[in-house]
């Protein structure tokens, strides 16, 4: 059971990095540092968008409109850190041992 919990925690950690990379890539596209017409950039950006958008969309519906600032990645990352550190490592793992 412990290896499964470690694997789930590792997947959560990787998904946090996917969210961070997706947010940085979206900033680079908005500030026109990265050209979205480049096929490789488009494929990478589309892949990250498809990975993160299903988790971010419900959070965006609940959060109030803050103008041009999107804090849904921050809320999702905090929720995933809570899930990994408190729920898995704090509540479940000590009872499995």
PDB file of N, CA and C in Angstrom:
ATOM      1  N   UNK A   1       0.814  -1.199   0.000  1.00  0.00           N
ATOM      2  CA  UNK A   1       0.000   0.000   0.000  1.00  0.00           C
ATOM      3  C   UNK A   1       0.858   1.263   0.000  1.00  0.00           C
ATOM      4  N   UNK A   2       1.981   1.227   0.717  1.00  0.00           N
ATOM      5  CA  UNK A   2       2.868   2.384   0.776  1.00  0.00           C
ATOM      6  C   UNK A   2       3.450   2.726  -0.597  1.00  0.00           C
ATOM      7  N   UNK A   3       3.888   1.733  -1.407  1.00  0.00           N
ATOM      8  CA  UNK A   3       4.369   2.105  -2.749  1.00  0.00           C
ATOM      9  C   UNK A   3       3.281   2.750  -3.607  1.00  0.00           C
ATOM     10  N   UNK A   4       2.045   2.315  -3.459  1.00  0.00           N
ATOM     11  CA  UNK A   4       0.949   2.922  -4.214  1.00  0.00           C
ATOM     12  C   UNK A   4       0.743   4.372  -3.786  1.00  0.00           C
ATOM     13  N   UNK A   5       0.802   4.643  -2.496  1.00  0.00           N
ATOM     14  CA  UNK A   5       0.667   6.021  -2.011  1.00  0.00           C
ATOM     15  C   UNK A   5       1.827   6.885  -2.490  1.00  0.00           C
ATOM     16  N   UNK A   6       3.031   6.322  -2.507  1.00  0.00           N
ATOM     17  CA  UNK A   6       4.181   7.056  -3.029  1.00  0.00           C
ATOM     18  C   UNK A   6       4.035   7.355  -4.513  1.00  0.00           C
ATOM     19  N   UNK A   7       3.485   6.399  -5.270  1.00  0.00           N
ATOM     20  CA  UNK A   7       3.256   6.605  -6.696  1.00  0.00           C
ATOM     21  C   UNK A   7       2.216   7.699  -6.926  1.00  0.00           C
ATOM     22  N   UNK A   8       1.135   7.682  -6.161  1.00  0.00           N
ATOM     23  CA  UNK A   8       0.093   8.715  -6.277  1.00  0.00           C
ATOM     24  C   UNK A   8       0.671  10.084  -5.931  1.00  0.00           C
ATOM     25  N   UNK A   9       1.490  10.152  -4.885  1.00  0.00           N
ATOM     26  CA  UNK A   9       2.119  11.417  -4.505  1.00  0.00           C
ATOM     27  C   UNK A   9       3.071  11.902  -5.594  1.00  0.00           C
ATOM     28  N   UNK A  10       3.771  10.980  -6.252  1.00  0.00           N
ATOM     29  CA  UNK A  10       4.665  11.361  -7.338  1.00  0.00           C
ATOM     30  C   UNK A  10       3.875  11.894  -8.536  1.00  0.00           C
ATOM     31  N   UNK A  11       2.751  11.268  -8.857  1.00  0.00           N
ATOM     32  CA  UNK A  11       1.903  11.730  -9.961  1.00  0.00           C
ATOM     33  C   UNK A  11       1.351  13.121  -9.650  1.00  0.00           C
ATOM     34  N   UNK A  12       0.958  13.364  -8.414  1.00  0.00           N
ATOM     35  CA  UNK A  12       0.467  14.686  -8.023  1.00  0.00           C
ATOM     36  C   UNK A  12       1.578  15.724  -8.173  1.00  0.00           C
ATOM     37  N   UNK A  13       2.798  15.370  -7.763  1.00  0.00           N
ATOM     38  CA  UNK A  13       3.934  16.272  -7.920  1.00  0.00           C
ATOM     39  C   UNK A  13       4.232  16.592  -9.384  1.00  0.00           C
ATOM     40  N   UNK A  14       4.154  15.584 -10.241  1.00  0.00           N
ATOM     41  CA  UNK A  14       4.360  15.820 -11.671  1.00  0.00           C
ATOM     42  C   UNK A  14       3.268  16.706 -12.254  1.00  0.00           C
ATOM     43  N   UNK A  15       2.025  16.503 -11.823  1.00  0.00           N
ATOM     44  CA  UNK A  15       0.930  17.322 -12.328  1.00  0.00           C
ATOM     45  C   UNK A  15       1.064  18.773 -11.876  1.00  0.00           C
ATOM     46  N   UNK A  16       1.609  18.992 -10.689  1.00  0.00           N
ATOM     47  CA  UNK A  16       1.880  20.358 -10.233  1.00  0.00           C
ATOM     48  C   UNK A  16       2.874  21.029 -11.178  1.00  0.00           C
ATOM     49  N   UNK A  17       3.912  20.299 -11.599  1.00  0.00           N
ATOM     50  CA  UNK A  17       4.876  20.860 -12.543  1.00  0.00           C
ATOM     51  C   UNK A  17       4.246  21.126 -13.897  1.00  0.00           C
ATOM     52  N   UNK A  18       3.322  20.272 -14.328  1.00  0.00           N
ATOM     53  CA  UNK A  18       2.622  20.500 -15.598  1.00  0.00           C
ATOM     54  C   UNK A  18       1.812  21.799 -15.521  1.00  0.00           C
ATOM     55  N   UNK A  19       1.171  22.044 -14.390  1.00  0.00           N
ATOM     56  CA  UNK A  19       0.392  23.279 -14.204  1.00  0.00           C
ATOM     57  C   UNK A  19       1.315  24.498 -14.243  1.00  0.00           C
ATOM     58  N   UNK A  20       2.456  24.411 -13.582  1.00  0.00           N
ATOM     59  CA  UNK A  20       3.398  25.532 -13.554  1.00  0.00           C
ATOM     60  C   UNK A  20       3.934  25.817 -14.959  1.00  0.00           C
ATOM     61  N   UNK A  21       4.323  24.786 -15.681  1.00  0.00           N
ATOM     62  CA  UNK A  21       4.844  24.965 -17.037  1.00  0.00           C
ATOM     63  C   UNK A  21       3.765  25.527 -17.949  1.00  0.00           C
ATOM     64  N   UNK A  22       2.539  25.059 -17.798  1.00  0.00           N
ATOM     65  CA  UNK A  22       1.439  25.569 -18.617  1.00  0.00           C
ATOM     66  C   UNK A  22       1.189  27.049 -18.353  1.00  0.00           C
ATOM     67  N   UNK A  23       1.238  27.458 -17.099  1.00  0.00           N
ATOM     68  CA  UNK A  23       1.035  28.866 -16.765  1.00  0.00           C
ATOM     69  C   UNK A  23       2.156  29.732 -17.322  1.00  0.00           C
ATOM     70  N   UNK A  24       3.399  29.277 -17.196  1.00  0.00           N
ATOM     71  CA  UNK A  24       4.527  30.042 -17.726  1.00  0.00           C
ATOM     72  C   UNK A  24       4.450  30.137 -19.245  1.00  0.00           C
ATOM     73  N   UNK A  25       4.095  29.038 -19.898  1.00  0.00           N
ATOM     74  CA  UNK A  25       3.976  29.055 -21.356  1.00  0.00           C
ATOM     75  C   UNK A  25       2.861  29.995 -21.807  1.00  0.00           C
ATOM     76  N   UNK A  26       1.765  30.037 -21.063  1.00  0.00           N
ATOM     77  CA  UNK A  26       0.688  30.957 -21.441  1.00  0.00           C
ATOM     78  C   UNK A  26       1.121  32.409 -21.281  1.00  0.00           C
ATOM     79  N   UNK A  27       1.931  32.712 -20.257  1.00  0.00           N
ATOM     80  CA  UNK A  27       2.459  34.070 -20.105  1.00  0.00           C
ATOM     81  C   UNK A  27       3.394  34.415 -21.260  1.00  0.00           C
ATOM     82  N   UNK A  28       4.236  33.470 -21.653  1.00  0.00           N
ATOM     83  CA  UNK A  28       5.162  33.719 -22.752  1.00  0.00           C
ATOM     84  C   UNK A  28       4.425  33.967 -24.062  1.00  0.00           C
ATOM     85  N   UNK A  29       3.305  33.292 -24.268  1.00  0.00           N
ATOM     86  CA  UNK A  29       2.510  33.510 -25.473  1.00  0.00           C
ATOM     87  C   UNK A  29       1.819  34.868 -25.410  1.00  0.00           C
ATOM     88  N   UNK A  30       1.269  35.228 -24.247  1.00  0.00           N
ATOM     89  CA  UNK A  30       0.562  36.504 -24.106  1.00  0.00           C
ATOM     90  C   UNK A  30       1.509  37.684 -24.311  1.00  0.00           C
ATOM     91  N   UNK A  31       2.714  37.600 -23.782  1.00  0.00           N
ATOM     92  CA  UNK A  31       3.677  38.692 -23.922  1.00  0.00           C
ATOM     93  C   UNK A  31       4.453  38.621 -25.231  1.00  0.00           C
ATOM     94  N   UNK A  32       4.057  37.721 -26.116  1.00  0.00           N
ATOM     95  CA  UNK A  32       4.612  37.569 -27.461  1.00  0.00           C
ATOM     96  C   UNK A  32       6.108  37.281 -27.448  1.00  0.00           C
ATOM     97  N   UNK A  33       6.549  36.530 -26.459  1.00  0.00           N
ATOM     98  CA  UNK A  33       7.929  36.074 -26.411  1.00  0.00           C
ATOM     99  C   UNK A  33       8.065  34.783 -27.213  1.00  0.00           C
ATOM    100  N   UNK A  34       7.026  33.950 -27.138  1.00  0.00           N
ATOM    101  CA  UNK A  34       6.978  32.703 -27.888  1.00  0.00           C
ATOM    102  C   UNK A  34       5.910  32.854 -28.955  1.00  0.00           C
ATOM    103  N   UNK A  35       6.241  32.475 -30.178  1.00  0.00           N
ATOM    104  CA  UNK A  35       5.330  32.613 -31.298  1.00  0.00           C
ATOM    105  C   UNK A  35       4.405  31.397 -31.366  1.00  0.00           C
ATOM    106  N   UNK A  36       3.105  31.628 -31.239  1.00  0.00           N
ATOM    107  CA  UNK A  36       2.119  30.551 -31.245  1.00  0.00           C
ATOM    108  C   UNK A  36       1.944  29.944 -32.644  1.00  0.00           C
ATOM    109  N   UNK A  37       2.376  30.639 -33.684  1.00  0.00           N
ATOM    110  CA  UNK A  37       2.244  30.116 -35.045  1.00  0.00           C
ATOM    111  C   UNK A  37       3.282  29.038 -35.353  1.00  0.00           C
ATOM    112  N   UNK A  38       4.311  28.926 -34.523  1.00  0.00           N
ATOM    113  CA  UNK A  38       5.285  27.859 -34.661  1.00  0.00           C
ATOM    114  C   UNK A  38       4.603  26.533 -34.316  1.00  0.00           C
ATOM    115  N   UNK A  39       4.728  25.556 -35.181  1.00  0.00           N
ATOM    116  CA  UNK A  39       3.998  24.285 -35.025  1.00  0.00           C
ATOM    117  C   UNK A  39       4.392  23.552 -33.737  1.00  0.00           C
ATOM    118  N   UNK A  40       5.672  23.523 -33.401  1.00  0.00           N
ATOM    119  CA  UNK A  40       6.125  22.832 -32.189  1.00  0.00           C
ATOM    120  C   UNK A  40       5.584  23.524 -30.942  1.00  0.00           C
ATOM    121  N   UNK A  41       5.656  24.839 -30.922  1.00  0.00           N
ATOM    122  CA  UNK A  41       5.134  25.599 -29.778  1.00  0.00           C
ATOM    123  C   UNK A  41       3.632  25.384 -29.651  1.00  0.00           C
ATOM    124  N   UNK A  42       2.937  25.373 -30.787  1.00  0.00           N
ATOM    125  CA  UNK A  42       1.498  25.157 -30.759  1.00  0.00           C
ATOM    126  C   UNK A  42       1.160  23.777 -30.199  1.00  0.00           C
ATOM    127  N   UNK A  43       1.883  22.733 -30.632  1.00  0.00           N
ATOM    128  CA  UNK A  43       1.609  21.387 -30.141  1.00  0.00           C
ATOM    129  C   UNK A  43       1.899  21.245 -28.651  1.00  0.00           C
ATOM    130  N   UNK A  44       3.001  21.839 -28.205  1.00  0.00           N
ATOM    131  CA  UNK A  44       3.337  21.784 -26.777  1.00  0.00           C
ATOM    132  C   UNK A  44       2.298  22.542 -25.960  1.00  0.00           C
ATOM    133  N   UNK A  45       1.945  23.738 -26.403  1.00  0.00           N
ATOM    134  CA  UNK A  45       0.946  24.532 -25.683  1.00  0.00           C
ATOM    135  C   UNK A  45      -0.413  23.864 -25.664  1.00  0.00           C
ATOM    136  N   UNK A  46      -0.802  23.257 -26.789  1.00  0.00           N
ATOM    137  CA  UNK A  46      -2.083  22.570 -26.851  1.00  0.00           C
ATOM    138  C   UNK A  46      -2.094  21.346 -25.930  1.00  0.00           C
ATOM    139  N   UNK A  47      -0.979  20.634 -25.874  1.00  0.00           N
ATOM    140  CA  UNK A  47      -0.896  19.469 -24.981  1.00  0.00           C
ATOM    141  C   UNK A  47      -1.036  19.879 -23.516  1.00  0.00           C
ATOM    142  N   UNK A  48      -0.323  20.922 -23.126  1.00  0.00           N
ATOM    143  CA  UNK A  48      -0.421  21.388 -21.745  1.00  0.00           C
ATOM    144  C   UNK A  48      -1.813  21.926 -21.445  1.00  0.00           C
ATOM    145  N   UNK A  49      -2.415  22.603 -22.413  1.00  0.00           N
ATOM    146  CA  UNK A  49      -3.773  23.110 -22.225  1.00  0.00           C
ATOM    147  C   UNK A  49      -4.765  21.965 -22.026  1.00  0.00           C
ATOM    148  N   UNK A  50      -4.637  20.918 -22.819  1.00  0.00           N
ATOM    149  CA  UNK A  50      -5.535  19.761 -22.686  1.00  0.00           C
ATOM    150  C   UNK A  50      -5.324  19.015 -21.375  1.00  0.00           C
ATOM    151  N   UNK A  51      -4.108  19.036 -20.839  1.00  0.00           N
ATOM    152  CA  UNK A  51      -3.847  18.372 -19.570  1.00  0.00           C
ATOM    153  C   UNK A  51      -4.368  19.165 -18.375  1.00  0.00           C
ATOM    154  N   UNK A  52      -4.322  20.486 -18.454  1.00  0.00           N
ATOM    155  CA  UNK A  52      -4.663  21.290 -17.284  1.00  0.00           C
ATOM    156  C   UNK A  52      -6.083  21.853 -17.302  1.00  0.00           C
ATOM    157  N   UNK A  53      -6.649  22.061 -18.461  1.00  0.00           N
ATOM    158  CA  UNK A  53      -7.948  22.732 -18.549  1.00  0.00           C
ATOM    159  C   UNK A  53      -9.090  21.982 -17.854  1.00  0.00           C
ATOM    160  N   UNK A  54      -9.170  20.639 -17.931  1.00  0.00           N
ATOM    161  CA  UNK A  54     -10.266  19.971 -17.205  1.00  0.00           C
ATOM    162  C   UNK A  54     -10.242  20.192 -15.692  1.00  0.00           C
ATOM    163  N   UNK A  55      -9.070  20.386 -15.125  1.00  0.00           N
ATOM    164  CA  UNK A  55      -8.984  20.634 -13.685  1.00  0.00           C
ATOM    165  C   UNK A  55      -9.169  22.109 -13.350  1.00  0.00           C
ATOM    166  N   UNK A  56      -8.786  22.996 -14.266  1.00  0.00           N
ATOM    167  CA  UNK A  56      -8.865  24.433 -13.987  1.00  0.00           C
ATOM    168  C   UNK A  56     -10.253  25.013 -14.269  1.00  0.00           C
ATOM    169  N   UNK A  57     -10.992  24.447 -15.201  1.00  0.00           N
ATOM    170  CA  UNK A  57     -12.285  25.006 -15.595  1.00  0.00           C
ATOM    171  C   UNK A  57     -13.283  25.090 -14.424  1.00  0.00           C
ATOM    172  N   UNK A  58     -13.457  24.037 -13.605  1.00  0.00           N
ATOM    173  CA  UNK A  58     -14.397  24.172 -12.474  1.00  0.00           C
ATOM    174  C   UNK A  58     -13.970  25.227 -11.453  1.00  0.00           C
ATOM    175  N   UNK A  59     -12.661  25.392 -11.274  1.00  0.00           N
ATOM    176  CA  UNK A  59     -12.175  26.397 -10.329  1.00  0.00           C
ATOM    177  C   UNK A  59     -12.456  27.792 -10.871  1.00  0.00           C
ATOM    178  N   UNK A  60     -12.287  27.989 -12.182  1.00  0.00           N
ATOM    179  CA  UNK A  60     -12.566  29.292 -12.796  1.00  0.00           C
ATOM    180  C   UNK A  60     -14.034  29.663 -12.689  1.00  0.00           C
ATOM    181  N   UNK A  61     -14.918  28.677 -12.722  1.00  0.00           N
ATOM    182  CA  UNK A  61     -16.350  28.971 -12.581  1.00  0.00           C
ATOM    183  C   UNK A  61     -16.688  29.490 -11.197  1.00  0.00           C
ATOM    184  N   UNK A  62     -15.988  29.000 -10.181  1.00  0.00           N
ATOM    185  CA  UNK A  62     -16.290  29.359  -8.796  1.00  0.00           C
ATOM    186  C   UNK A  62     -15.639  30.682  -8.396  1.00  0.00           C
ATOM    187  N   UNK A  63     -14.423  30.930  -8.870  1.00  0.00           N
ATOM    188  CA  UNK A  63     -13.697  32.142  -8.484  1.00  0.00           C
ATOM    189  C   UNK A  63     -14.326  33.389  -9.096  1.00  0.00           C
ATOM    190  N   UNK A  64     -14.288  34.495  -8.374  1.00  0.00           N
ATOM    191  CA  UNK A  64     -14.798  35.744  -8.957  1.00  0.00           C
ATOM    192  C   UNK A  64     -13.862  36.258 -10.053  1.00  0.00           C
ATOM    193  N   UNK A  65     -14.399  37.088 -10.918  1.00  0.00           N
ATOM    194  CA  UNK A  65     -13.610  37.667 -12.005  1.00  0.00           C
ATOM    195  C   UNK A  65     -12.683  38.735 -11.431  1.00  0.00           C
ATOM    196  N   UNK A  66     -11.383  38.553 -11.636  1.00  0.00           N
ATOM    197  CA  UNK A  66     -10.393  39.495 -11.123  1.00  0.00           C
ATOM    198  C   UNK A  66      -9.758  40.303 -12.240  1.00  0.00           C
ATOM    199  N   UNK A  67     -10.492  40.484 -13.311  1.00  0.00           N
ATOM    200  CA  UNK A  67      -9.947  41.211 -14.456  1.00  0.00           C
ATOM    201  C   UNK A  67      -9.106  40.292 -15.310  1.00  0.00           C
ATOM    202  N   UNK A  68      -7.881  40.652 -15.553  1.00  0.00           N
ATOM    203  CA  UNK A  68      -6.994  39.850 -16.384  1.00  0.00           C
ATOM    204  C   UNK A  68      -6.159  38.858 -15.611  1.00  0.00           C
ATOM    205  N   UNK A  69      -6.368  38.756 -14.304  1.00  0.00           N
ATOM    206  CA  UNK A  69      -5.559  37.879 -13.470  1.00  0.00           C
ATOM    207  C   UNK A  69      -6.302  36.563 -13.259  1.00  0.00           C
ATOM    208  N   UNK A  70      -5.645  35.464 -13.587  1.00  0.00           N
ATOM    209  CA  UNK A  70      -6.223  34.144 -13.404  1.00  0.00           C
ATOM    210  C   UNK A  70      -5.466  33.444 -12.284  1.00  0.00           C
ATOM    211  N   UNK A  71      -6.124  33.282 -11.131  1.00  0.00           N
ATOM    212  CA  UNK A  71      -5.459  32.643  -9.998  1.00  0.00           C
ATOM    213  C   UNK A  71      -5.870  31.178  -9.840  1.00  0.00           C
ATOM    214  N   UNK A  72      -6.590  30.640 -10.817  1.00  0.00           N
ATOM    215  CA  UNK A  72      -7.020  29.248 -10.710  1.00  0.00           C
ATOM    216  C   UNK A  72      -5.845  28.264 -10.665  1.00  0.00           C
ATOM    217  N   UNK A  73      -4.721  28.478 -11.381  1.00  0.00           N
ATOM    218  CA  UNK A  73      -3.601  27.546 -11.205  1.00  0.00           C
ATOM    219  C   UNK A  73      -3.047  27.543  -9.781  1.00  0.00           C
ATOM    220  N   UNK A  74      -3.025  28.705  -9.145  1.00  0.00           N
ATOM    221  CA  UNK A  74      -2.532  28.779  -7.768  1.00  0.00           C
ATOM    222  C   UNK A  74      -3.455  28.012  -6.830  1.00  0.00           C
ATOM    223  N   UNK A  75      -4.769  28.175  -7.016  1.00  0.00           N
ATOM    224  CA  UNK A  75      -5.740  27.466  -6.176  1.00  0.00           C
ATOM    225  C   UNK A  75      -5.612  25.959  -6.384  1.00  0.00           C
ATOM    226  N   UNK A  76      -5.465  25.528  -7.637  1.00  0.00           N
ATOM    227  CA  UNK A  76      -5.320  24.096  -7.918  1.00  0.00           C
ATOM    228  C   UNK A  76      -4.033  23.538  -7.335  1.00  0.00           C
ATOM    229  N   UNK A  77      -2.940  24.272  -7.452  1.00  0.00           N
ATOM    230  CA  UNK A  77      -1.665  23.805  -6.889  1.00  0.00           C
ATOM    231  C   UNK A  77      -1.757  23.696  -5.373  1.00  0.00           C
ATOM    232  N   UNK A  78      -2.372  24.676  -4.721  1.00  0.00           N
ATOM    233  CA  UNK A  78      -2.532  24.602  -3.264  1.00  0.00           C
ATOM    234  C   UNK A  78      -3.406  23.411  -2.863  1.00  0.00           C
ATOM    235  N   UNK A  79      -4.459  23.151  -3.627  1.00  0.00           N
ATOM    236  CA  UNK A  79      -5.310  21.998  -3.352  1.00  0.00           C
ATOM    237  C   UNK A  79      -4.564  20.685  -3.535  1.00  0.00           C
ATOM    238  N   UNK A  80      -3.743  20.590  -4.572  1.00  0.00           N
ATOM    239  CA  UNK A  80      -2.976  19.366  -4.789  1.00  0.00           C
ATOM    240  C   UNK A  80      -1.904  19.169  -3.724  1.00  0.00           C
ATOM    241  N   UNK A  81      -1.276  20.257  -3.298  1.00  0.00           N
ATOM    242  CA  UNK A  81      -0.290  20.147  -2.209  1.00  0.00           C
ATOM    243  C   UNK A  81      -0.968  19.705  -0.926  1.00  0.00           C
ATOM    244  N   UNK A  82      -2.155  20.236  -0.646  1.00  0.00           N
ATOM    245  CA  UNK A  82      -2.915  19.800   0.529  1.00  0.00           C
ATOM    246  C   UNK A  82      -3.244  18.316   0.419  1.00  0.00           C
ATOM    247  N   UNK A  83      -3.702  17.888  -0.750  1.00  0.00           N
ATOM    248  CA  UNK A  83      -4.042  16.482  -0.951  1.00  0.00           C
ATOM    249  C   UNK A  83      -2.838  15.585  -0.755  1.00  0.00           C
ATOM    250  N   UNK A  84      -1.701  15.983  -1.306  1.00  0.00           N
ATOM    251  CA  UNK A  84      -0.501  15.158  -1.204  1.00  0.00           C
ATOM    252  C   UNK A  84       0.083  15.151   0.212  1.00  0.00           C
ATOM    253  N   UNK A  85       0.286  16.338   0.776  1.00  0.00           N
ATOM    254  CA  UNK A  85       1.010  16.416   2.041  1.00  0.00           C
ATOM    255  C   UNK A  85       0.147  16.098   3.255  1.00  0.00           C
ATOM    256  N   UNK A  86      -1.074  16.591   3.269  1.00  0.00           N
ATOM    257  CA  UNK A  86      -1.918  16.392   4.447  1.00  0.00           C
ATOM    258  C   UNK A  86      -2.692  15.085   4.363  1.00  0.00           C
ATOM    259  N   UNK A  87      -3.385  14.878   3.257  1.00  0.00           N
ATOM    260  CA  UNK A  87      -4.247  13.701   3.171  1.00  0.00           C
ATOM    261  C   UNK A  87      -3.433  12.421   3.009  1.00  0.00           C
ATOM    262  N   UNK A  88      -2.543  12.382   2.026  1.00  0.00           N
ATOM    263  CA  UNK A  88      -1.815  11.136   1.766  1.00  0.00           C
ATOM    264  C   UNK A  88      -0.741  10.900   2.819  1.00  0.00           C
ATOM    265  N   UNK A  89       0.166  11.885   3.004  1.00  0.00           N
ATOM    266  CA  UNK A  89       1.271  11.674   3.940  1.00  0.00           C
ATOM    267  C   UNK A  89       0.860  11.850   5.401  1.00  0.00           C
ATOM    268  N   UNK A  90      -0.139  12.676   5.669  1.00  0.00           N
ATOM    269  CA  UNK A  90      -0.505  12.971   7.048  1.00  0.00           C
ATOM    270  C   UNK A  90      -1.576  12.064   7.618  1.00  0.00           C
ATOM    271  N   UNK A  91      -2.592  11.716   6.815  1.00  0.00           N
ATOM    272  CA  UNK A  91      -3.702  10.935   7.352  1.00  0.00           C
ATOM    273  C   UNK A  91      -3.676   9.478   6.936  1.00  0.00           C
ATOM    274  N   UNK A  92      -3.409   9.203   5.666  1.00  0.00           N
ATOM    275  CA  UNK A  92      -3.525   7.830   5.181  1.00  0.00           C
ATOM    276  C   UNK A  92      -2.258   7.017   5.469  1.00  0.00           C
ATOM    277  N   UNK A  93      -1.101   7.542   5.111  1.00  0.00           N
ATOM    278  CA  UNK A  93       0.144   6.777   5.248  1.00  0.00           C
ATOM    279  C   UNK A  93       0.456   6.353   6.677  1.00  0.00           C
ATOM    280  N   UNK A  94       0.250   7.183   7.706  1.00  0.00           N
ATOM    281  CA  UNK A  94       0.554   6.713   9.067  1.00  0.00           C
ATOM    282  C   UNK A  94      -0.340   5.556   9.527  1.00  0.00           C
ATOM    283  N   UNK A  95      -1.550   5.475   8.999  1.00  0.00           N
ATOM    284  CA  UNK A  95      -2.458   4.402   9.418  1.00  0.00           C
ATOM    285  C   UNK A  95      -2.206   3.108   8.670  1.00  0.00           C
ATOM    286  N   UNK A  96      -1.498   3.175   7.537  1.00  0.00           N
ATOM    287  CA  UNK A  96      -1.202   1.972   6.768  1.00  0.00           C
ATOM    288  C   UNK A  96      -0.043   1.208   7.403  1.00  0.00           C
ATOM    289  N   UNK A  97       0.883   1.955   7.998  1.00  0.00           N
ATOM    290  CA  UNK A  97       2.034   1.309   8.620  1.00  0.00           C
ATOM    291  C   UNK A  97       1.560   0.547   9.791  1.00  0.00           C
TER     292      UNK A  97
END
